[in-house]
Structure formats: structure tokens, C-alpha cells
PDB file of all heavy atoms in Angstrom:
ATOM      1  N   ILE A   1      32.005  35.744  54.230  1.00  0.00           N
ATOM      2  CA  ILE A   1      31.702  36.309  52.909  1.00  0.00           C
ATOM      3  C   ILE A   1      31.045  35.137  51.981  1.00  0.00           C
ATOM      4  O   ILE A   1      30.229  35.384  51.154  1.00  0.00           O
ATOM      5  CB  ILE A   1      32.872  36.954  52.280  1.00  0.00           C
ATOM      6  CG1 ILE A   1      32.470  37.695  50.975  1.00  0.00           C
ATOM      7  CG2 ILE A   1      33.985  35.974  51.898  1.00  0.00           C
ATOM      8  CD1 ILE A   1      33.524  38.540  50.440  1.00  0.00           C
ATOM      9  N   ALA A   2      31.590  33.927  52.210  1.00  0.00           N
ATOM     10  CA  ALA A   2      31.090  32.797  51.420  1.00  0.00           C
ATOM     11  C   ALA A   2      29.720  32.402  51.752  1.00  0.00           C
ATOM     12  O   ALA A   2      28.966  31.727  50.965  1.00  0.00           O
ATOM     13  CB  ALA A   2      32.027  31.576  51.507  1.00  0.00           C
ATOM     14  N   ARG A   3      29.207  32.661  52.998  1.00  0.00           N
ATOM     15  CA  ARG A   3      27.927  32.379  53.459  1.00  0.00           C
ATOM     16  C   ARG A   3      26.954  33.511  53.462  1.00  0.00           C
ATOM     17  O   ARG A   3      25.838  33.389  54.021  1.00  0.00           O
ATOM     18  CB  ARG A   3      28.018  31.754  54.864  1.00  0.00           C
ATOM     19  CG  ARG A   3      28.828  30.461  54.906  1.00  0.00           C
ATOM     20  CD  ARG A   3      28.879  29.794  56.291  1.00  0.00           C
ATOM     21  NE  ARG A   3      29.519  28.605  56.296  1.00  0.00           N
ATOM     22  CZ  ARG A   3      29.710  27.857  57.437  1.00  0.00           C
ATOM     23  NH1 ARG A   3      29.154  28.267  58.565  1.00  0.00           N
ATOM     24  NH2 ARG A   3      30.347  26.703  57.351  1.00  0.00           N
ATOM     25  N   LEU A   4      27.350  34.635  52.939  1.00  0.00           N
ATOM     26  CA  LEU A   4      26.466  35.789  52.869  1.00  0.00           C
ATOM     27  C   LEU A   4      25.310  35.484  51.984  1.00  0.00           C
ATOM     28  O   LEU A   4      25.470  35.107  50.783  1.00  0.00           O
ATOM     29  CB  LEU A   4      27.231  37.032  52.442  1.00  0.00           C
ATOM     30  CG  LEU A   4      26.540  38.359  52.546  1.00  0.00           C
ATOM     31  CD1 LEU A   4      26.336  38.681  53.989  1.00  0.00           C
ATOM     32  CD2 LEU A   4      27.315  39.431  51.863  1.00  0.00           C
ATOM     33  N   SER A   5      24.073  35.694  52.430  1.00  0.00           N
ATOM     34  CA  SER A   5      22.937  35.340  51.614  1.00  0.00           C
ATOM     35  C   SER A   5      22.139  36.551  51.233  1.00  0.00           C
ATOM     36  O   SER A   5      22.292  37.659  51.762  1.00  0.00           O
ATOM     37  CB  SER A   5      22.014  34.411  52.518  1.00  0.00           C
ATOM     38  OG  SER A   5      21.540  35.095  53.611  1.00  0.00           O
ATOM     39  N   VAL A   6      21.286  36.378  50.200  1.00  0.00           N
ATOM     40  CA  VAL A   6      20.396  37.464  49.788  1.00  0.00           C
ATOM     41  C   VAL A   6      19.514  37.813  50.911  1.00  0.00           C
ATOM     42  O   VAL A   6      19.208  39.146  51.085  1.00  0.00           O
ATOM     43  CB  VAL A   6      19.599  37.018  48.520  1.00  0.00           C
ATOM     44  CG1 VAL A   6      18.607  38.039  48.057  1.00  0.00           C
ATOM     45  CG2 VAL A   6      20.460  36.564  47.352  1.00  0.00           C
ATOM     46  N   GLN A   7      18.979  36.877  51.681  1.00  0.00           N
ATOM     47  CA  GLN A   7      18.100  37.319  52.680  1.00  0.00           C
ATOM     48  C   GLN A   7      18.691  38.164  53.810  1.00  0.00           C
ATOM     49  O   GLN A   7      18.119  39.067  54.321  1.00  0.00           O
ATOM     50  CB  GLN A   7      17.553  35.981  53.328  1.00  0.00           C
ATOM     51  CG  GLN A   7      16.545  36.204  54.495  1.00  0.00           C
ATOM     52  CD  GLN A   7      16.040  34.866  55.116  1.00  0.00           C
ATOM     53  OE1 GLN A   7      16.628  33.811  54.823  1.00  0.00           O
ATOM     54  NE2 GLN A   7      15.080  35.024  55.996  1.00  0.00           N
ATOM     55  N   ALA A   8      19.964  37.810  54.122  1.00  0.00           N
ATOM     56  CA  ALA A   8      20.735  38.592  55.163  1.00  0.00           C
ATOM     57  C   ALA A   8      20.892  40.052  54.644  1.00  0.00           C
ATOM     58  O   ALA A   8      20.672  41.041  55.470  1.00  0.00           O
ATOM     59  CB  ALA A   8      22.038  37.999  55.461  1.00  0.00           C
ATOM     60  N   VAL A   9      21.258  40.274  53.447  1.00  0.00           N
ATOM     61  CA  VAL A   9      21.505  41.613  52.870  1.00  0.00           C
ATOM     62  C   VAL A   9      20.186  42.335  52.777  1.00  0.00           C
ATOM     63  O   VAL A   9      20.070  43.551  53.109  1.00  0.00           O
ATOM     64  CB  VAL A   9      22.223  41.459  51.550  1.00  0.00           C
ATOM     65  CG1 VAL A   9      22.411  42.892  50.957  1.00  0.00           C
ATOM     66  CG2 VAL A   9      23.544  40.849  51.680  1.00  0.00           C
ATOM     67  N   GLN A  10      19.140  41.616  52.310  1.00  0.00           N
ATOM     68  CA  GLN A  10      17.829  42.244  52.128  1.00  0.00           C
ATOM     69  C   GLN A  10      17.346  42.802  53.490  1.00  0.00           C
ATOM     70  O   GLN A  10      16.753  43.901  53.693  1.00  0.00           O
ATOM     71  CB  GLN A  10      16.816  41.317  51.617  1.00  0.00           C
ATOM     72  CG  GLN A  10      15.447  41.861  51.351  1.00  0.00           C
ATOM     73  CD  GLN A  10      15.445  42.833  50.110  1.00  0.00           C
ATOM     74  OE1 GLN A  10      15.743  42.437  48.972  1.00  0.00           O
ATOM     75  NE2 GLN A  10      15.128  44.106  50.333  1.00  0.00           N
ATOM     76  N   THR A  11      17.423  41.926  54.530  1.00  0.00           N
ATOM     77  CA  THR A  11      17.010  42.298  55.915  1.00  0.00           C
ATOM     78  C   THR A  11      17.791  43.498  56.370  1.00  0.00           C
ATOM     79  O   THR A  11      17.194  44.387  56.972  1.00  0.00           O
ATOM     80  CB  THR A  11      17.214  41.117  56.854  1.00  0.00           C
ATOM     81  OG1 THR A  11      16.416  40.006  56.358  1.00  0.00           O
ATOM     82  CG2 THR A  11      16.680  41.468  58.232  1.00  0.00           C
ATOM     83  N   PHE A  12      19.035  43.484  56.194  1.00  0.00           N
ATOM     84  CA  PHE A  12      19.880  44.634  56.662  1.00  0.00           C
ATOM     85  C   PHE A  12      19.468  45.943  55.998  1.00  0.00           C
ATOM     86  O   PHE A  12      19.289  46.966  56.653  1.00  0.00           O
ATOM     87  CB  PHE A  12      21.363  44.323  56.389  1.00  0.00           C
ATOM     88  CG  PHE A  12      22.254  45.514  56.466  1.00  0.00           C
ATOM     89  CD1 PHE A  12      22.603  46.054  57.695  1.00  0.00           C
ATOM     90  CD2 PHE A  12      22.778  46.189  55.349  1.00  0.00           C
ATOM     91  CE1 PHE A  12      23.380  47.193  57.843  1.00  0.00           C
ATOM     92  CE2 PHE A  12      23.600  47.256  55.444  1.00  0.00           C
ATOM     93  CZ  PHE A  12      23.877  47.771  56.679  1.00  0.00           C
ATOM     94  N   LEU A  13      19.230  45.945  54.711  1.00  0.00           N
ATOM     95  CA  LEU A  13      18.904  47.175  54.025  1.00  0.00           C
ATOM     96  C   LEU A  13      17.520  47.589  54.387  1.00  0.00           C
ATOM     97  O   LEU A  13      17.199  48.823  54.501  1.00  0.00           O
ATOM     98  CB  LEU A  13      19.000  46.942  52.480  1.00  0.00           C
ATOM     99  CG  LEU A  13      20.349  46.672  51.893  1.00  0.00           C
ATOM    100  CD1 LEU A  13      20.314  46.499  50.469  1.00  0.00           C
ATOM    101  CD2 LEU A  13      21.312  47.821  52.258  1.00  0.00           C
ATOM    102  N   ASN A  14      16.626  46.648  54.591  1.00  0.00           N
ATOM    103  CA  ASN A  14      15.175  46.982  55.067  1.00  0.00           C
ATOM    104  C   ASN A  14      15.285  47.643  56.429  1.00  0.00           C
ATOM    105  O   ASN A  14      14.471  48.553  56.698  1.00  0.00           O
ATOM    106  CB  ASN A  14      14.333  45.775  55.083  1.00  0.00           C
ATOM    107  CG  ASN A  14      13.937  45.202  53.729  1.00  0.00           C
ATOM    108  OD1 ASN A  14      14.148  45.941  52.681  1.00  0.00           O
ATOM    109  ND2 ASN A  14      13.519  44.055  53.631  1.00  0.00           N
ATOM    110  N   GLN A  15      16.137  47.203  57.324  1.00  0.00           N
ATOM    111  CA  GLN A  15      16.316  47.831  58.594  1.00  0.00           C
ATOM    112  C   GLN A  15      16.777  49.237  58.475  1.00  0.00           C
ATOM    113  O   GLN A  15      16.355  50.148  59.232  1.00  0.00           O
ATOM    114  CB  GLN A  15      17.235  47.025  59.423  1.00  0.00           C
ATOM    115  CG  GLN A  15      16.699  45.649  59.885  1.00  0.00           C
ATOM    116  CD  GLN A  15      17.713  44.825  60.556  1.00  0.00           C
ATOM    117  OE1 GLN A  15      18.976  45.105  60.535  1.00  0.00           O
ATOM    118  NE2 GLN A  15      17.387  43.645  61.159  1.00  0.00           N
ATOM    119  N   GLN A  16      17.628  49.548  57.549  1.00  0.00           N
ATOM    120  CA  GLN A  16      18.166  50.876  57.288  1.00  0.00           C
ATOM    121  C   GLN A  16      16.968  51.812  56.869  1.00  0.00           C
ATOM    122  O   GLN A  16      16.847  52.958  57.306  1.00  0.00           O
ATOM    123  CB  GLN A  16      19.339  50.903  56.283  1.00  0.00           C
ATOM    124  CG  GLN A  16      20.505  50.103  56.750  1.00  0.00           C
ATOM    125  CD  GLN A  16      21.111  50.607  58.021  1.00  0.00           C
ATOM    126  OE1 GLN A  16      21.235  51.818  58.215  1.00  0.00           O
ATOM    127  NE2 GLN A  16      21.459  49.740  58.870  1.00  0.00           N
ATOM    128  N   LEU A  17      16.159  51.292  55.981  1.00  0.00           N
ATOM    129  CA  LEU A  17      14.999  52.074  55.572  1.00  0.00           C
ATOM    130  C   LEU A  17      13.980  52.360  56.655  1.00  0.00           C
ATOM    131  O   LEU A  17      13.512  53.438  56.866  1.00  0.00           O
ATOM    132  CB  LEU A  17      14.224  51.390  54.460  1.00  0.00           C
ATOM    133  CG  LEU A  17      14.975  51.320  53.028  1.00  0.00           C
ATOM    134  CD1 LEU A  17      14.255  50.415  52.034  1.00  0.00           C
ATOM    135  CD2 LEU A  17      15.087  52.750  52.438  1.00  0.00           C
ATOM    136  N   ALA A  18      13.815  51.298  57.484  1.00  0.00           N
ATOM    137  CA  ALA A  18      12.870  51.453  58.688  1.00  0.00           C
ATOM    138  C   ALA A  18      13.500  52.432  59.754  1.00  0.00           C
ATOM    139  O   ALA A  18      12.656  53.073  60.455  1.00  0.00           O
ATOM    140  CB  ALA A  18      12.626  50.130  59.328  1.00  0.00           C
ATOM    141  N   ALA A  19      14.831  52.594  59.738  1.00  0.00           N
ATOM    142  CA  ALA A  19      15.381  53.556  60.662  1.00  0.00           C
ATOM    143  C   ALA A  19      15.300  54.987  60.256  1.00  0.00           C
ATOM    144  O   ALA A  19      15.731  55.823  60.953  1.00  0.00           O
ATOM    145  CB  ALA A  19      16.883  53.139  60.946  1.00  0.00           C
ATOM    146  N   GLY A  20      14.840  55.209  59.074  1.00  0.00           N
ATOM    147  CA  GLY A  20      14.616  56.533  58.544  1.00  0.00           C
ATOM    148  C   GLY A  20      15.571  57.008  57.520  1.00  0.00           C
ATOM    149  O   GLY A  20      15.530  58.179  57.108  1.00  0.00           O
ATOM    150  N   LYS A  21      16.547  56.168  57.122  1.00  0.00           N
ATOM    151  CA  LYS A  21      17.423  56.542  56.005  1.00  0.00           C
ATOM    152  C   LYS A  21      16.660  56.661  54.682  1.00  0.00           C
ATOM    153  O   LYS A  21      15.748  55.989  54.426  1.00  0.00           O
ATOM    154  CB  LYS A  21      18.580  55.566  55.876  1.00  0.00           C
ATOM    155  CG  LYS A  21      19.483  55.543  57.116  1.00  0.00           C
ATOM    156  CD  LYS A  21      20.753  54.866  56.779  1.00  0.00           C
ATOM    157  CE  LYS A  21      21.611  55.574  55.840  1.00  0.00           C
ATOM    158  NZ  LYS A  21      22.113  56.863  56.367  1.00  0.00           N
ATOM    159  N   SER A  22      17.106  57.654  53.924  1.00  0.00           N
ATOM    160  CA  SER A  22      16.435  57.847  52.561  1.00  0.00           C
ATOM    161  C   SER A  22      16.783  56.701  51.637  1.00  0.00           C
ATOM    162  O   SER A  22      17.728  55.972  51.782  1.00  0.00           O
ATOM    163  CB  SER A  22      16.980  59.140  51.942  1.00  0.00           C
ATOM    164  OG  SER A  22      18.292  59.114  51.652  1.00  0.00           O
ATOM    165  N   VAL A  23      15.927  56.552  50.596  1.00  0.00           N
ATOM    166  CA  VAL A  23      16.195  55.495  49.679  1.00  0.00           C
ATOM    167  C   VAL A  23      17.388  55.665  48.938  1.00  0.00           C
ATOM    168  O   VAL A  23      18.134  54.656  48.723  1.00  0.00           O
ATOM    169  CB  VAL A  23      14.898  55.517  48.661  1.00  0.00           C
ATOM    170  CG1 VAL A  23      15.160  54.525  47.451  1.00  0.00           C
ATOM    171  CG2 VAL A  23      13.646  55.241  49.361  1.00  0.00           C
ATOM    172  N   ARG A  24      17.838  56.904  48.645  1.00  0.00           N
ATOM    173  CA  ARG A  24      19.115  57.060  47.981  1.00  0.00           C
ATOM    174  C   ARG A  24      20.232  56.670  48.753  1.00  0.00           C
ATOM    175  O   ARG A  24      21.230  56.070  48.289  1.00  0.00           O
ATOM    176  CB  ARG A  24      19.202  58.521  47.489  1.00  0.00           C
ATOM    177  CG  ARG A  24      20.506  58.861  46.758  1.00  0.00           C
ATOM    178  CD  ARG A  24      20.589  58.009  45.530  1.00  0.00           C
ATOM    179  NE  ARG A  24      21.883  58.097  44.866  1.00  0.00           N
ATOM    180  CZ  ARG A  24      22.462  57.234  44.042  1.00  0.00           C
ATOM    181  NH1 ARG A  24      21.839  56.129  43.846  1.00  0.00           N
ATOM    182  NH2 ARG A  24      23.578  57.534  43.435  1.00  0.00           N
ATOM    183  N   SER A  25      20.199  57.010  50.092  1.00  0.00           N
ATOM    184  CA  SER A  25      21.343  56.609  50.955  1.00  0.00           C
ATOM    185  C   SER A  25      21.451  55.043  51.059  1.00  0.00           C
ATOM    186  O   SER A  25      22.587  54.562  51.092  1.00  0.00           O
ATOM    187  CB  SER A  25      21.075  57.197  52.344  1.00  0.00           C
ATOM    188  OG  SER A  25      21.031  58.593  52.336  1.00  0.00           O
ATOM    189  N   VAL A  26      20.322  54.397  51.128  1.00  0.00           N
ATOM    190  CA  VAL A  26      20.345  52.932  51.195  1.00  0.00           C
ATOM    191  C   VAL A  26      20.804  52.303  49.839  1.00  0.00           C
ATOM    192  O   VAL A  26      21.559  51.319  49.799  1.00  0.00           O
ATOM    193  CB  VAL A  26      18.955  52.353  51.593  1.00  0.00           C
ATOM    194  CG1 VAL A  26      18.995  50.824  51.464  1.00  0.00           C
ATOM    195  CG2 VAL A  26      18.547  52.788  53.016  1.00  0.00           C
ATOM    196  N   GLN A  27      20.476  52.964  48.782  1.00  0.00           N
ATOM    197  CA  GLN A  27      21.009  52.562  47.420  1.00  0.00           C
ATOM    198  C   GLN A  27      22.513  52.673  47.399  1.00  0.00           C
ATOM    199  O   GLN A  27      23.179  51.808  46.681  1.00  0.00           O
ATOM    200  CB  GLN A  27      20.316  53.344  46.379  1.00  0.00           C
ATOM    201  CG  GLN A  27      18.938  52.968  46.023  1.00  0.00           C
ATOM    202  CD  GLN A  27      18.383  53.703  44.793  1.00  0.00           C
ATOM    203  OE1 GLN A  27      18.878  54.764  44.429  1.00  0.00           O
ATOM    204  NE2 GLN A  27      17.271  53.259  44.267  1.00  0.00           N
ATOM    205  N   ILE A  28      23.067  53.699  47.968  1.00  0.00           N
ATOM    206  CA  ILE A  28      24.451  53.848  48.045  1.00  0.00           C
ATOM    207  C   ILE A  28      25.214  52.796  48.796  1.00  0.00           C
ATOM    208  O   ILE A  28      26.251  52.207  48.413  1.00  0.00           O
ATOM    209  CB  ILE A  28      24.904  55.209  48.609  1.00  0.00           C
ATOM    210  CG1 ILE A  28      24.418  56.366  47.630  1.00  0.00           C
ATOM    211  CG2 ILE A  28      26.426  55.341  48.837  1.00  0.00           C
ATOM    212  CD1 ILE A  28      24.667  57.747  48.179  1.00  0.00           C
ATOM    213  N   LEU A  29      24.572  52.295  49.938  1.00  0.00           N
ATOM    214  CA  LEU A  29      25.075  51.150  50.664  1.00  0.00           C
ATOM    215  C   LEU A  29      25.028  49.880  49.773  1.00  0.00           C
ATOM    216  O   LEU A  29      25.994  49.141  49.740  1.00  0.00           O
ATOM    217  CB  LEU A  29      24.191  50.915  51.896  1.00  0.00           C
ATOM    218  CG  LEU A  29      24.190  52.074  52.984  1.00  0.00           C
ATOM    219  CD1 LEU A  29      23.364  51.652  54.115  1.00  0.00           C
ATOM    220  CD2 LEU A  29      25.610  52.383  53.459  1.00  0.00           C
ATOM    221  N   ARG A  30      23.951  49.707  49.079  1.00  0.00           N
ATOM    222  CA  ARG A  30      23.923  48.466  48.215  1.00  0.00           C
ATOM    223  C   ARG A  30      24.905  48.602  47.034  1.00  0.00           C
ATOM    224  O   ARG A  30      25.589  47.615  46.695  1.00  0.00           O
ATOM    225  CB  ARG A  30      22.493  48.359  47.585  1.00  0.00           C
ATOM    226  CG  ARG A  30      22.403  47.085  46.639  1.00  0.00           C
ATOM    227  CD  ARG A  30      21.025  46.986  46.067  1.00  0.00           C
ATOM    228  NE  ARG A  30      20.704  48.067  45.166  1.00  0.00           N
ATOM    229  CZ  ARG A  30      19.646  48.077  44.393  1.00  0.00           C
ATOM    230  NH1 ARG A  30      18.749  47.066  44.540  1.00  0.00           N
ATOM    231  NH2 ARG A  30      19.370  49.115  43.596  1.00  0.00           N
ATOM    232  N   GLU A  31      25.169  49.796  46.445  1.00  0.00           N
ATOM    233  CA  GLU A  31      26.176  49.968  45.429  1.00  0.00           C
ATOM    234  C   GLU A  31      27.532  49.646  45.982  1.00  0.00           C
ATOM    235  O   GLU A  31      28.306  49.067  45.219  1.00  0.00           O
ATOM    236  CB  GLU A  31      26.088  51.358  44.868  1.00  0.00           C
ATOM    237  CG  GLU A  31      24.762  51.601  44.030  1.00  0.00           C
ATOM    238  CD  GLU A  31      24.566  53.096  43.727  1.00  0.00           C
ATOM    239  OE1 GLU A  31      25.564  53.840  44.024  1.00  0.00           O
ATOM    240  OE2 GLU A  31      23.542  53.449  43.124  1.00  0.00           O
ATOM    241  N   THR A  32      27.775  50.113  47.191  1.00  0.00           N
ATOM    242  CA  THR A  32      29.086  49.845  47.769  1.00  0.00           C
ATOM    243  C   THR A  32      29.313  48.401  47.952  1.00  0.00           C
ATOM    244  O   THR A  32      30.361  47.774  47.599  1.00  0.00           O
ATOM    245  CB  THR A  32      29.323  50.587  49.115  1.00  0.00           C
ATOM    246  OG1 THR A  32      28.974  52.032  48.882  1.00  0.00           O
ATOM    247  CG2 THR A  32      30.632  50.380  49.706  1.00  0.00           C
ATOM    248  N   LEU A  33      28.374  47.681  48.588  1.00  0.00           N
ATOM    249  CA  LEU A  33      28.453  46.232  48.785  1.00  0.00           C
ATOM    250  C   LEU A  33      28.483  45.481  47.492  1.00  0.00           C
ATOM    251  O   LEU A  33      29.307  44.546  47.338  1.00  0.00           O
ATOM    252  CB  LEU A  33      27.255  45.770  49.610  1.00  0.00           C
ATOM    253  CG  LEU A  33      27.294  44.264  49.986  1.00  0.00           C
ATOM    254  CD1 LEU A  33      28.543  43.930  50.791  1.00  0.00           C
ATOM    255  CD2 LEU A  33      26.003  43.995  50.795  1.00  0.00           C
ATOM    256  N   ARG A  34      27.750  45.924  46.498  1.00  0.00           N
ATOM    257  CA  ARG A  34      27.808  45.194  45.235  1.00  0.00           C
ATOM    258  C   ARG A  34      29.122  45.350  44.496  1.00  0.00           C
ATOM    259  O   ARG A  34      29.686  44.350  44.001  1.00  0.00           O
ATOM    260  CB  ARG A  34      26.723  45.799  44.250  1.00  0.00           C
ATOM    261  CG  ARG A  34      26.629  45.157  42.935  1.00  0.00           C
ATOM    262  CD  ARG A  34      25.474  45.724  42.170  1.00  0.00           C
ATOM    263  NE  ARG A  34      25.511  47.224  42.012  1.00  0.00           N
ATOM    264  CZ  ARG A  34      24.525  47.919  41.604  1.00  0.00           C
ATOM    265  NH1 ARG A  34      23.358  47.380  41.264  1.00  0.00           N
ATOM    266  NH2 ARG A  34      24.683  49.261  41.495  1.00  0.00           N
ATOM    267  N   SER A  35      29.759  46.449  44.651  1.00  0.00           N
ATOM    268  CA  SER A  35      31.122  46.645  44.041  1.00  0.00           C
ATOM    269  C   SER A  35      32.096  45.847  44.749  1.00  0.00           C
ATOM    270  O   SER A  35      32.942  45.179  44.104  1.00  0.00           O
ATOM    271  CB  SER A  35      31.459  48.111  44.092  1.00  0.00           C
ATOM    272  OG  SER A  35      32.864  48.357  43.619  1.00  0.00           O
ATOM    273  N   ALA A  36      32.068  45.731  46.080  1.00  0.00           N
ATOM    274  CA  ALA A  36      32.996  44.877  46.806  1.00  0.00           C
ATOM    275  C   ALA A  36      32.846  43.411  46.539  1.00  0.00           C
ATOM    276  O   ALA A  36      33.800  42.670  46.300  1.00  0.00           O
ATOM    277  CB  ALA A  36      32.831  45.176  48.318  1.00  0.00           C
ATOM    278  N   LEU A  37      31.604  42.979  46.423  1.00  0.00           N
ATOM    279  CA  LEU A  37      31.338  41.525  46.149  1.00  0.00           C
ATOM    280  C   LEU A  37      31.677  41.232  44.662  1.00  0.00           C
ATOM    281  O   LEU A  37      32.006  40.022  44.338  1.00  0.00           O
ATOM    282  CB  LEU A  37      29.891  41.172  46.447  1.00  0.00           C
ATOM    283  CG  LEU A  37      29.498  41.197  47.903  1.00  0.00           C
ATOM    284  CD1 LEU A  37      28.000  40.852  48.086  1.00  0.00           C
ATOM    285  CD2 LEU A  37      30.429  40.328  48.723  1.00  0.00           C
TER     286      LEU A  37
END
């Protein structure tokens, strides 16, 4: 968690979009991670 970078999170979310998930679903993933961090 201390070494988690912006690039790693951005790449992960971009992969979810490329896999066909909707923008709103990916936003929920970011909101969940943002709340935890």
C-alpha cells in the first residue's frame, strides 16, 4: 500500500474500461479505492 502509485492505479482502471466495463462501473471502483486510501 505504501508503494502504490498513480500509474499503477491508472493502468488498472484503463484495463477495466478496455475490457468493456461502463464508465460508471469503473468510477465506482475508483470511489471504493479512494475511500479505502
